[in-house]
N, C-alpha and C. Protein backbone atom coordinates (compact mmCIF):
# COMPACT_ATOMS: atom_id res chain seq x y z
N UNK A 1 148.59 33.79 105.16
CA UNK A 1 149.39 34.84 105.13
C UNK A 1 150.90 34.30 105.93
N UNK A 2 151.44 33.77 104.55
CA UNK A 2 152.78 33.07 104.98
C UNK A 2 153.64 34.16 105.86
N UNK A 3 153.46 35.32 105.75
CA UNK A 3 154.54 36.21 106.11
C UNK A 3 154.56 36.04 107.75
N UNK A 4 153.10 35.63 107.99
CA UNK A 4 152.77 35.59 109.80
C UNK A 4 153.17 34.18 110.18
N UNK A 5 153.65 33.21 109.43
CA UNK A 5 153.68 31.68 109.74
C UNK A 5 155.01 31.78 110.83
N UNK A 6 154.80 30.69 111.64
CA UNK A 6 155.99 30.70 113.06
C UNK A 6 156.75 29.89 112.70
N UNK A 7 158.23 30.02 112.82
CA UNK A 7 159.34 29.24 112.34
C UNK A 7 159.00 28.13 113.29
N UNK A 8 159.76 26.98 112.62
CA UNK A 8 159.74 25.33 113.11
C UNK A 8 160.69 25.29 114.14
N UNK A 9 160.27 24.40 115.05
CA UNK A 9 161.23 24.00 116.00
C UNK A 9 161.27 22.66 116.65
N UNK A 10 161.82 21.51 116.71
CA UNK A 10 161.47 20.21 116.87
C UNK A 10 160.98 20.00 118.41
N UNK A 11 161.14 21.05 119.38
CA UNK A 11 161.15 21.28 120.71
C UNK A 11 159.43 21.84 120.86
N UNK A 12 158.97 22.30 119.69
CA UNK A 12 157.88 23.24 120.09
C UNK A 12 157.05 22.69 118.82
N UNK A 13 155.55 22.13 119.42
CA UNK A 13 154.33 22.03 118.38
C UNK A 13 153.39 23.06 118.52
N UNK A 14 152.90 23.62 117.25
CA UNK A 14 152.28 24.40 116.97
C UNK A 14 150.96 23.83 116.47
N UNK A 15 149.86 23.85 117.46
CA UNK A 15 148.50 23.13 117.30
C UNK A 15 147.66 24.19 116.30
N UNK A 16 147.45 25.41 116.67
CA UNK A 16 146.29 26.36 116.00
C UNK A 16 146.89 27.79 115.70
N UNK A 17 146.82 28.60 114.61
CA UNK A 17 147.20 30.26 114.50
C UNK A 17 146.11 30.50 114.25
N UNK A 18 145.43 31.54 114.93
CA UNK A 18 144.37 31.88 114.51
C UNK A 18 144.53 33.79 114.67
N UNK A 19 144.37 34.35 113.34
CA UNK A 19 144.52 35.64 113.32
C UNK A 19 143.54 36.44 114.07
N UNK A 20 143.40 37.09 114.95
CA UNK A 20 142.31 38.21 115.35
C UNK A 20 142.19 39.05 114.73
N UNK A 21 143.41 39.89 114.18
CA UNK A 21 143.33 41.22 113.95
C UNK A 21 144.54 41.35 113.08
N UNK A 22 144.50 42.18 111.83
CA UNK A 22 145.56 42.50 111.35
C UNK A 22 145.67 43.82 110.11
N UNK A 23 146.29 44.48 111.09
CA UNK A 23 146.41 46.21 110.45
C UNK A 23 147.90 46.55 109.91
N UNK A 24 148.69 47.70 110.88
CA UNK A 24 149.56 47.76 110.82
C UNK A 24 150.74 46.52 111.25
N UNK A 25 149.81 46.33 112.45
CA UNK A 25 150.24 44.95 113.32
C UNK A 25 149.70 44.31 113.05
N UNK A 26 149.93 42.90 113.91
CA UNK A 26 148.95 41.69 113.68
C UNK A 26 148.86 40.85 114.91
N UNK A 27 147.53 40.37 115.29
CA UNK A 27 147.31 39.79 116.62
C UNK A 27 146.99 38.90 116.22
N UNK A 28 147.79 37.45 117.08
CA UNK A 28 147.56 36.24 116.70
C UNK A 28 146.98 35.35 118.06
N UNK A 29 146.01 34.52 118.08
CA UNK A 29 146.15 33.85 119.23
C UNK A 29 146.87 32.19 118.79
N UNK A 30 147.84 31.62 119.60
CA UNK A 30 148.43 30.87 119.06
C UNK A 30 148.10 29.54 120.10
N UNK A 31 147.92 28.42 119.85
CA UNK A 31 147.92 27.18 120.81
C UNK A 31 148.89 26.31 120.55
N UNK A 32 149.81 25.94 121.62
CA UNK A 32 150.95 25.46 121.45
C UNK A 32 151.68 24.26 122.48
N UNK A 33 152.61 23.51 122.30
CA UNK A 33 152.80 22.68 123.29
C UNK A 33 154.46 22.81 123.17
N UNK A 34 155.03 22.51 124.11
CA UNK A 34 156.65 22.33 123.95
C UNK A 34 157.24 21.48 125.15
N UNK A 35 158.19 20.95 124.71
CA UNK A 35 159.08 20.20 125.85
C UNK A 35 159.75 20.91 126.76
N UNK A 36 159.47 20.50 127.99
CA UNK A 36 160.29 21.27 129.56
C UNK A 36 161.70 20.59 129.36
N UNK A 37 162.26 21.13 130.53
CA UNK A 37 163.95 20.92 130.37
C UNK A 37 164.36 19.68 130.91
N UNK A 38 162.94 18.82 131.49
CA UNK A 38 163.10 17.34 131.77
C UNK A 38 163.09 16.53 130.86
N UNK A 39 162.53 17.09 129.37
CA UNK A 39 162.16 16.05 128.32
C UNK A 39 160.50 16.30 128.68
N UNK A 40 159.52 16.47 129.48
CA UNK A 40 158.16 16.54 129.77
C UNK A 40 157.40 17.16 128.56
N UNK A 41 156.09 16.78 128.27
CA UNK A 41 155.58 17.45 127.34
C UNK A 41 154.78 18.93 128.22
N UNK A 42 154.93 19.96 127.80
CA UNK A 42 154.15 21.25 128.28
C UNK A 42 153.16 21.79 127.40
N UNK A 43 151.87 21.75 128.01
CA UNK A 43 150.86 22.37 127.01
C UNK A 43 149.78 21.61 126.89
N UNK A 44 148.78 21.93 126.02
CA UNK A 44 148.83 22.79 125.00
C UNK A 44 148.37 24.22 125.90
N UNK A 45 149.29 25.37 125.36
CA UNK A 45 148.78 26.72 126.22
C UNK A 45 148.36 27.41 125.07
N UNK A 46 147.60 28.48 125.56
CA UNK A 46 147.06 29.59 124.40
C UNK A 46 147.61 30.85 124.75
N UNK A 47 148.77 31.43 123.90
CA UNK A 47 148.82 32.85 123.91
C UNK A 47 148.30 34.00 122.70
N UNK A 48 148.13 34.92 123.58
CA UNK A 48 148.34 35.93 122.32
C UNK A 48 149.57 36.62 121.80
N UNK A 49 149.59 36.68 120.74
CA UNK A 49 151.37 37.19 120.30
C UNK A 49 150.53 38.28 119.25
N UNK A 50 151.75 39.16 119.82
CA UNK A 50 151.60 40.48 118.76
C UNK A 50 152.75 40.49 117.93
N UNK A 51 152.47 40.37 116.45
CA UNK A 51 153.43 40.22 115.24
C UNK A 51 153.62 41.48 115.00
N UNK A 52 155.03 42.18 115.09
CA UNK A 52 155.56 43.57 114.56
C UNK A 52 156.76 43.46 114.13
N UNK A 53 157.37 42.18 113.78
CA UNK A 53 158.46 42.28 112.85
C UNK A 53 159.93 42.77 113.56
N UNK A 54 160.61 43.41 112.44
CA UNK A 54 162.13 43.83 112.66
C UNK A 54 162.05 45.32 112.97
N UNK A 55 162.56 45.74 114.09
CA UNK A 55 163.32 47.26 114.01
C UNK A 55 164.53 47.22 113.94
N UNK A 56 164.83 49.11 114.06
CA UNK A 56 166.27 49.05 113.68
C UNK A 56 166.37 50.41 114.51
N UNK A 57 167.47 50.42 115.58
CA UNK A 57 167.79 51.58 116.15
C UNK A 57 169.33 52.30 115.83
N UNK A 58 169.40 53.42 115.88
CA UNK A 58 170.45 54.19 115.36
C UNK A 58 171.30 54.94 116.66
N UNK A 59 172.09 54.93 117.30
CA UNK A 59 172.66 56.11 118.10
C UNK A 59 173.70 56.93 117.35
N UNK A 60 173.20 58.25 116.67
CA UNK A 60 174.41 59.05 115.97
C UNK A 60 175.33 59.59 117.04
N UNK A 61 176.43 59.07 116.41
CA UNK A 61 177.75 59.55 117.37
C UNK A 61 178.49 60.19 116.45
N UNK A 62 179.19 61.51 116.64
CA UNK A 62 180.25 62.11 116.25
C UNK A 62 181.31 61.96 116.95
N UNK A 63 182.18 61.23 116.54
CA UNK A 63 183.56 60.80 117.32
C UNK A 63 184.36 61.91 117.42
N UNK A 64 184.37 63.19 116.53
CA UNK A 64 185.10 64.16 116.41
C UNK A 64 184.76 65.17 117.50
N UNK A 65 183.61 65.49 117.68
CA UNK A 65 183.21 66.42 118.84
C UNK A 65 182.57 65.75 119.69
N UNK A 66 182.62 64.41 120.05
CA UNK A 66 182.42 63.14 121.05
C UNK A 66 181.01 64.03 121.54
N UNK A 67 180.12 63.86 120.89
CA UNK A 67 178.74 64.12 120.81
C UNK A 67 177.90 63.14 120.24
N UNK A 68 176.47 63.03 120.89
CA UNK A 68 175.63 62.08 120.57
C UNK A 68 174.32 62.94 120.04
N UNK A 69 173.98 62.74 119.37
CA UNK A 69 172.19 63.28 118.66
C UNK A 69 171.35 62.49 118.88
N UNK A 70 170.21 63.14 119.56
CA UNK A 70 169.11 62.46 120.43
C UNK A 70 167.66 63.16 120.03
N UNK A 71 166.63 62.53 119.99
CA UNK A 71 165.46 63.26 119.64
C UNK A 71 164.55 63.16 120.66
N UNK A 72 163.32 63.85 120.56
CA UNK A 72 162.59 64.12 121.60
C UNK A 72 161.06 64.08 120.92
N UNK A 73 160.10 63.06 121.26
CA UNK A 73 159.14 62.78 120.57
C UNK A 73 157.72 62.54 121.53
N UNK A 74 156.63 62.78 120.88
CA UNK A 74 155.10 61.98 121.65
C UNK A 74 154.99 60.65 121.12
N UNK A 75 154.77 59.59 122.55
CA UNK A 75 154.28 58.58 122.63
C UNK A 75 153.41 58.15 123.04
N UNK A 76 152.46 57.87 122.61
CA UNK A 76 151.12 57.36 123.10
C UNK A 76 151.07 56.39 124.16
N UNK A 77 151.77 55.43 123.94
CA UNK A 77 151.64 54.31 125.21
C UNK A 77 152.73 54.74 126.17
N UNK A 78 153.36 55.78 126.20
CA UNK A 78 154.20 56.34 127.22
C UNK A 78 153.10 56.81 128.32
N UNK A 79 151.93 57.44 127.39
CA UNK A 79 151.12 58.50 128.26
C UNK A 79 150.09 56.96 128.65
N UNK A 80 150.03 55.90 128.16
CA UNK A 80 149.35 55.20 128.69
C UNK A 80 149.59 54.37 129.57
N UNK A 81 151.01 54.48 129.88
CA UNK A 81 151.82 53.84 131.16
C UNK A 81 151.84 54.61 132.15
N UNK A 82 151.35 55.83 132.28
CA UNK A 82 151.69 57.20 133.41
C UNK A 82 152.61 57.47 133.13
N UNK A 83 153.48 57.53 132.04
CA UNK A 83 155.15 58.47 132.05
C UNK A 83 154.75 59.47 131.33
N UNK A 84 155.87 60.61 131.62
CA UNK A 84 155.85 61.59 130.77
C UNK A 84 155.86 61.17 129.05
N UNK A 85 154.78 61.52 128.57
CA UNK A 85 154.50 61.11 127.03
C UNK A 85 155.74 61.58 126.11
N UNK A 86 156.55 62.69 125.98
CA UNK A 86 157.51 63.18 125.64
C UNK A 86 158.80 62.44 125.80
N UNK A 87 159.17 61.73 124.66
CA UNK A 87 160.24 60.52 125.63
C UNK A 87 161.64 61.02 124.42
N UNK A 88 162.98 61.24 125.30
CA UNK A 88 164.11 61.42 124.77
C UNK A 88 164.36 59.87 123.98
N UNK A 89 164.96 60.08 122.99
CA UNK A 89 165.07 58.39 122.13
C UNK A 89 166.27 58.65 121.29
N UNK A 90 166.84 57.75 120.82
CA UNK A 90 167.85 57.64 119.16
C UNK A 90 166.71 57.50 118.12
N UNK A 91 167.46 57.68 117.19
CA UNK A 91 166.44 57.28 115.88
C UNK A 91 166.04 55.63 115.81
N UNK A 92 164.73 55.49 115.26
CA UNK A 92 164.70 54.26 115.17
C UNK A 92 162.94 53.98 114.54
N UNK A 93 163.13 52.67 113.58
CA UNK A 93 161.50 52.78 112.82
C UNK A 93 162.06 50.99 112.52
N UNK A 94 160.74 50.80 111.75
CA UNK A 94 160.39 49.30 111.44
C UNK A 94 161.20 49.03 109.97
N UNK A 95 161.39 47.86 109.79
CA UNK A 95 162.10 47.46 108.40
C UNK A 95 160.57 47.08 107.56
N UNK A 96 161.28 47.66 106.14
CA UNK A 96 159.94 47.58 105.26
C UNK A 96 160.17 46.01 104.19
N UNK A 97 159.45 45.06 104.88
CA UNK A 97 159.64 43.54 104.61
C UNK A 97 160.90 43.36 104.63
N UNK A 98 161.49 42.82 103.54
CA UNK A 98 163.04 42.36 103.56
C UNK A 98 164.24 43.44 103.84
N UNK A 99 163.68 44.91 103.82
CA UNK A 99 164.84 45.38 103.58
C UNK A 99 166.04 45.23 104.63
N UNK A 100 167.01 45.67 104.36
CA UNK A 100 168.51 45.14 105.06
C UNK A 100 168.43 46.24 106.17
N UNK A 101 168.84 45.50 107.23
CA UNK A 101 169.18 46.76 108.30
C UNK A 101 170.05 47.46 108.41
N UNK A 102 170.95 47.40 107.69
CA UNK A 102 171.68 48.74 107.49
C UNK A 102 171.01 49.73 106.65
N UNK A 103 170.20 49.46 105.78
CA UNK A 103 169.66 50.43 104.67
C UNK A 103 168.35 50.88 105.87
N UNK A 104 167.80 50.45 106.82
CA UNK A 104 166.70 51.17 107.69
C UNK A 104 167.36 51.83 108.48
N UNK A 105 168.81 51.34 109.07
CA UNK A 105 169.28 52.49 109.93
C UNK A 105 169.80 53.85 109.29
N UNK A 106 170.29 54.01 108.41
CA UNK A 106 170.56 54.93 107.10
C UNK A 106 169.45 55.86 106.87
N UNK A 107 167.98 55.42 106.56
CA UNK A 107 167.03 55.65 106.16
C UNK A 107 166.13 56.30 107.54
N UNK A 108 166.17 55.69 108.42
CA UNK A 108 165.59 56.47 109.85
C UNK A 108 166.74 57.34 110.40
N UNK A 109 167.85 57.46 110.56
CA UNK A 109 168.73 58.42 110.79
C UNK A 109 168.42 59.70 110.26
N UNK A 110 168.57 59.83 108.86
CA UNK A 110 168.12 60.76 107.65
C UNK A 110 166.53 61.16 108.40
N UNK A 111 165.61 60.51 108.20
CA UNK A 111 164.43 60.76 108.13
C UNK A 111 164.20 61.42 109.68
N UNK A 112 164.68 60.80 110.64
CA UNK A 112 164.64 61.52 112.15
C UNK A 112 165.41 62.51 112.89
N UNK A 113 166.44 62.71 111.81
CA UNK A 113 167.47 63.71 112.54
C UNK A 113 168.01 64.50 111.47
N UNK A 114 167.99 64.19 110.46
CA UNK A 114 168.42 65.20 109.22
C UNK A 114 169.57 64.71 108.99
N UNK A 115 170.51 63.77 109.33
CA UNK A 115 171.76 63.64 109.61
C UNK A 115 172.07 62.31 108.53
N UNK A 116 172.89 62.38 107.75
CA UNK A 116 173.82 61.29 107.03
C UNK A 116 174.74 60.46 107.64
N UNK A 117 174.26 59.02 107.58
CA UNK A 117 175.15 58.19 108.17
C UNK A 117 176.66 57.79 107.68
N UNK A 118 177.47 58.02 108.02
CA UNK A 118 178.89 57.67 107.09
C UNK A 118 179.70 56.50 107.61
N UNK A 119 178.98 55.56 108.76
CA UNK A 119 179.46 54.30 108.96
C UNK A 119 178.77 53.86 109.83
N UNK A 120 178.66 52.34 110.23
CA UNK A 120 177.76 52.00 111.01
C UNK A 120 178.48 50.60 111.53
N UNK A 121 178.14 50.68 113.25
CA UNK A 121 178.58 49.22 113.96
C UNK A 121 177.57 48.66 114.75
N UNK A 122 177.53 47.38 114.41
CA UNK A 122 176.13 46.87 114.74
C UNK A 122 176.64 46.53 116.33
N UNK A 123 175.54 46.73 117.11
CA UNK A 123 175.75 46.40 118.50
C UNK A 123 175.13 45.10 118.94
N UNK A 124 174.17 44.50 118.15
CA UNK A 124 173.29 43.24 118.23
C UNK A 124 171.47 43.23 118.02
N UNK A 125 171.25 42.47 117.97
CA UNK A 125 169.51 42.26 117.63
C UNK A 125 168.76 41.80 118.96
N UNK A 126 167.83 42.06 119.82
CA UNK A 126 167.29 42.48 120.88
C UNK A 126 165.92 42.02 120.81
N UNK A 127 165.23 41.23 121.61
CA UNK A 127 163.68 41.25 121.89
C UNK A 127 163.20 42.26 122.75
N UNK A 128 162.44 43.03 122.21
CA UNK A 128 161.53 43.98 122.85
C UNK A 128 160.90 43.69 123.98
N UNK A 129 159.62 42.95 123.73
CA UNK A 129 158.83 42.34 124.79
C UNK A 129 158.63 40.90 124.42
N UNK A 130 159.42 39.80 124.87
CA UNK A 130 159.56 38.54 124.51
C UNK A 130 158.43 37.91 124.95
N UNK A 131 157.62 38.48 126.36
CA UNK A 131 156.19 37.77 126.93
C UNK A 131 155.29 38.01 125.64
N UNK A 132 155.05 39.00 124.83
CA UNK A 132 154.01 39.51 124.31
C UNK A 132 154.45 39.52 122.56
N UNK A 133 155.34 40.13 122.64
CA UNK A 133 155.68 40.31 120.92
C UNK A 133 156.97 39.96 120.33
N UNK A 134 156.90 39.45 119.01
CA UNK A 134 157.86 38.81 118.35
C UNK A 134 158.80 40.04 117.76
N UNK A 135 158.49 41.21 118.16
CA UNK A 135 159.24 42.24 117.82
C UNK A 135 161.10 42.28 117.99
N UNK A 136 161.81 42.41 117.08
CA UNK A 136 163.17 42.36 117.52
C UNK A 136 163.43 43.83 117.53
N UNK A 137 164.64 44.19 117.95
CA UNK A 137 165.57 45.57 117.19
C UNK A 137 166.93 45.17 117.02
N UNK A 138 167.49 45.71 115.97
CA UNK A 138 168.70 45.73 115.64
C UNK A 138 169.66 46.99 116.14
N UNK A 139 170.40 47.19 117.17
CA UNK A 139 170.80 48.41 117.38
C UNK A 139 172.04 48.53 116.66
N UNK A 140 172.47 49.79 116.35
CA UNK A 140 173.59 50.21 115.58
C UNK A 140 174.14 51.23 116.18
N UNK A 141 175.48 51.74 116.13
CA UNK A 141 175.98 53.01 116.22
C UNK A 141 176.17 53.75 114.83
N UNK A 142 175.93 54.82 114.54
CA UNK A 142 176.18 55.26 113.27
C UNK A 142 177.15 56.57 113.41
N UNK A 143 178.20 56.81 112.47
CA UNK A 143 179.29 57.96 112.69
C UNK A 143 178.07 59.02 111.73
N UNK A 144 178.25 60.17 112.46
CA UNK A 144 177.45 61.36 111.89
C UNK A 144 178.44 62.69 112.28
N UNK A 145 178.38 63.82 111.17
CA UNK A 145 178.66 65.10 111.85
C UNK A 145 177.69 65.60 112.29
N UNK A 146 177.55 65.93 113.87
CA UNK A 146 176.80 66.60 114.70
C UNK A 146 176.70 67.99 114.34
N UNK A 147 175.45 68.30 114.35
CA UNK A 147 175.71 69.91 114.68
C UNK A 147 175.69 70.64 116.25
N UNK A 148 175.85 71.41 116.21
CA UNK A 148 176.02 72.16 117.62
C UNK A 148 174.57 72.21 118.28
N UNK A 149 174.40 71.80 119.47
CA UNK A 149 173.04 72.31 120.32
C UNK A 149 171.50 71.96 119.64
N UNK A 150 170.95 72.43 119.21
CA UNK A 150 169.50 72.12 118.99
C UNK A 150 169.68 72.20 117.32
N UNK A 151 169.22 70.99 116.98
CA UNK A 151 169.47 70.82 115.30
C UNK A 151 168.13 70.81 114.77
N UNK A 152 167.07 71.59 115.53
CA UNK A 152 165.84 72.06 114.98
C UNK A 152 165.00 70.74 114.60
N UNK A 153 164.10 70.69 113.95
CA UNK A 153 162.87 69.59 113.64
C UNK A 153 162.80 68.46 112.45
N UNK A 154 162.34 67.39 112.92
CA UNK A 154 162.49 66.51 111.76
C UNK A 154 161.52 65.49 111.55
N UNK A 155 160.90 64.83 111.28
CA UNK A 155 160.00 63.46 110.98
C UNK A 155 159.22 63.84 109.57
N UNK A 156 158.04 62.87 109.31
CA UNK A 156 157.45 62.71 108.40
C UNK A 156 156.01 63.09 108.59
N UNK A 157 155.58 64.10 107.67
CA UNK A 157 154.60 65.01 108.16
C UNK A 157 153.40 63.94 107.88
N UNK A 158 153.35 63.08 107.17
CA UNK A 158 152.11 61.87 106.83
C UNK A 158 151.91 60.73 107.91
N UNK A 159 153.19 60.81 108.83
CA UNK A 159 153.03 59.93 109.71
C UNK A 159 152.85 60.69 111.02
N UNK A 160 152.38 61.84 111.07
CA UNK A 160 152.25 63.08 112.04
C UNK A 160 153.64 63.01 113.27
N UNK A 161 154.37 62.84 112.83
CA UNK A 161 155.84 63.25 113.31
C UNK A 161 155.84 64.18 113.72
N UNK A 162 156.51 64.58 115.00
CA UNK A 162 156.70 66.04 115.24
C UNK A 162 158.15 65.39 116.19
N UNK A 163 159.29 65.77 115.58
CA UNK A 163 160.38 65.22 116.18
C UNK A 163 161.22 66.31 116.79
N UNK A 164 161.72 66.91 117.56
CA UNK A 164 162.97 67.71 118.30
C UNK A 164 164.18 66.99 118.02
N UNK A 165 165.19 67.80 117.50
CA UNK A 165 166.47 66.92 117.44
C UNK A 165 167.61 67.83 118.23
N UNK A 166 168.13 67.18 118.78
CA UNK A 166 169.32 68.11 119.72
C UNK A 166 170.56 67.18 119.91
N UNK A 167 171.62 67.72 120.15
CA UNK A 167 173.08 67.27 119.93
C UNK A 167 173.43 67.55 121.51
N UNK A 168 174.14 66.38 122.14
CA UNK A 168 174.57 66.70 123.76
C UNK A 168 175.87 65.94 123.82
N UNK A 169 177.19 66.47 124.85
CA UNK A 169 178.11 65.69 124.76
C UNK A 169 177.91 64.27 125.07
N UNK A 170 178.41 63.26 124.64
CA UNK A 170 178.18 61.75 125.09
C UNK A 170 178.36 61.54 126.63
N UNK A 171 179.04 62.30 127.23
CA UNK A 171 178.95 62.27 128.85
C UNK A 171 177.78 62.75 129.45
N UNK A 172 177.17 63.56 128.76
CA UNK A 172 175.70 63.91 129.06
C UNK A 172 174.88 63.17 129.09
N UNK A 173 175.14 62.50 127.88
CA UNK A 173 173.92 61.10 127.16
C UNK A 173 173.97 60.31 128.06
N UNK A 174 175.34 59.71 128.48
CA UNK A 174 175.37 58.65 129.53
C UNK A 174 174.75 58.98 130.89
N UNK A 175 174.93 60.31 131.48
CA UNK A 175 174.18 60.72 132.64
C UNK A 175 172.83 60.71 132.51
N UNK A 176 172.19 61.16 131.44
CA UNK A 176 170.60 60.89 131.48
C UNK A 176 170.36 59.72 131.65
N UNK A 177 171.38 58.09 131.45
CA UNK A 177 170.45 56.83 131.35
C UNK A 177 171.08 56.84 133.12
N UNK A 178 171.97 57.17 133.35
CA UNK A 178 172.41 57.03 134.98
C UNK A 178 171.67 57.35 135.93
N UNK A 179 170.89 58.73 135.48
CA UNK A 179 169.88 59.50 136.31
C UNK A 179 168.62 58.81 135.99
N UNK A 180 168.41 58.01 135.20
CA UNK A 180 166.57 57.52 135.00
C UNK A 180 165.96 58.20 134.18
N UNK A 181 166.87 59.16 133.41
CA UNK A 181 165.86 60.02 132.60
C UNK A 181 165.81 59.65 131.13
N UNK A 182 166.04 58.45 130.87
CA UNK A 182 166.00 57.69 129.56
C UNK A 182 165.00 56.60 130.07
N UNK A 183 163.84 56.67 129.70
CA UNK A 183 162.91 55.69 130.04
C UNK A 183 162.91 54.50 128.78
N UNK A 184 163.00 55.01 127.65
CA UNK A 184 163.01 54.16 126.31
C UNK A 184 164.38 53.23 126.25
N UNK A 185 163.69 51.64 126.76
CA UNK A 185 165.02 50.61 126.70
C UNK A 185 165.95 50.68 125.96
N UNK A 186 165.27 51.15 124.50
CA UNK A 186 166.26 51.03 123.24
C UNK A 186 167.30 51.81 123.25
N UNK A 187 166.65 53.06 123.64
CA UNK A 187 168.05 54.21 124.10
C UNK A 187 168.90 54.12 125.19
N UNK A 188 168.50 53.64 126.36
CA UNK A 188 169.19 53.22 127.22
C UNK A 188 170.24 52.11 126.72
N UNK A 189 169.89 50.89 125.97
CA UNK A 189 170.85 50.10 125.91
C UNK A 189 172.12 50.62 124.69
N UNK A 190 171.65 51.43 123.81
CA UNK A 190 172.42 52.26 122.74
C UNK A 190 173.13 52.95 123.71
N UNK A 191 172.92 53.75 124.12
CA UNK A 191 174.01 54.63 124.98
C UNK A 191 175.07 54.13 125.92
N UNK A 192 174.47 52.99 126.93
CA UNK A 192 175.37 52.09 127.38
C UNK A 192 176.10 51.46 126.30
N UNK A 193 176.09 50.52 125.31
CA UNK A 193 176.92 50.18 124.57
C UNK A 193 177.86 50.85 123.94
N UNK A 194 177.04 52.44 123.46
CA UNK A 194 178.27 53.34 123.10
C UNK A 194 179.03 53.91 124.07
N UNK A 195 178.75 53.82 125.40
CA UNK A 195 179.63 53.94 126.42
C UNK A 195 180.92 53.07 126.55
N UNK A 196 180.42 51.93 126.29
CA UNK A 196 181.47 50.81 126.48
C UNK A 196 182.36 50.74 125.42
N UNK A 197 181.69 50.90 124.11
CA UNK A 197 182.29 51.05 122.84
C UNK A 197 183.44 52.20 122.68
N UNK A 198 183.05 53.37 123.29
CA UNK A 198 183.27 54.54 122.67
C UNK A 198 184.44 55.09 122.02
N UNK A 199 185.49 54.35 123.40
CA UNK A 199 187.17 54.95 122.93
C UNK A 199 187.36 54.14 121.62
N UNK A 200 187.05 52.96 121.48
CA UNK A 200 187.54 51.91 120.26
C UNK A 200 186.77 52.90 119.05
N UNK A 201 185.53 53.43 119.11
CA UNK A 201 184.83 53.97 117.91
C UNK A 201 185.56 55.23 117.40
N UNK A 202 186.24 56.01 118.63
CA UNK A 202 187.02 57.13 118.22
C UNK A 202 187.96 57.08 117.78
N UNK A 203 188.43 56.03 118.17
CA UNK A 203 189.88 55.60 117.31
C UNK A 203 189.59 55.05 115.72
N UNK A 204 188.62 54.46 115.69
CA UNK A 204 188.32 53.85 114.38
C UNK A 204 187.78 54.94 113.46
N UNK A 205 186.79 55.92 113.56
CA UNK A 205 186.19 56.72 112.88
C UNK A 205 186.62 58.45 113.07
N UNK A 206 187.41 58.70 114.21
CA UNK A 206 187.76 59.96 114.00
C UNK A 206 189.31 59.97 113.12
N UNK A 207 189.62 59.15 112.41
CA UNK A 207 190.80 59.26 111.80
C UNK A 207 190.28 60.01 110.41
């Protein structure tokens, strides 16, 4: 399973990698040692590592209407965590193999909101749960022509997606984060980044 190998680092020694399960994701048990900050050898330690790969998220933004398009859908892990299982989110999904992140951003926005992205601005690449998984998510803002209010439903039937699509003023979206109504960390991060860069994007995209 070459795709599940670990990158090399001179400060880290991988002793053994055991794949415990491999389906849509993979779960590995890794035995490793590493050099501490004072040069001492630490380990060997054994951790379970969830291999998820690359994900991409997009906050669809209309700079003319100053509107953000959000989605709402059921999330089983939120239910397991004791939270409200219907989460307000931005469009997001996993990359398919070596698929470029920009292509994922365009595809997921279309699939989950029905909107076409006409420009992208990269916010950064982040680890979602560094104590457990290797999953990274690259966050973008995407320029769209937002519909007013409710934009209907979207999602892929074969993935059992039932997604409500709606547009809100940018200030209302930022208030949702400030008031703790956004519990999806990627969505909160994307909206906070947009809030910090909103005026610049409006100048660049509204022309």
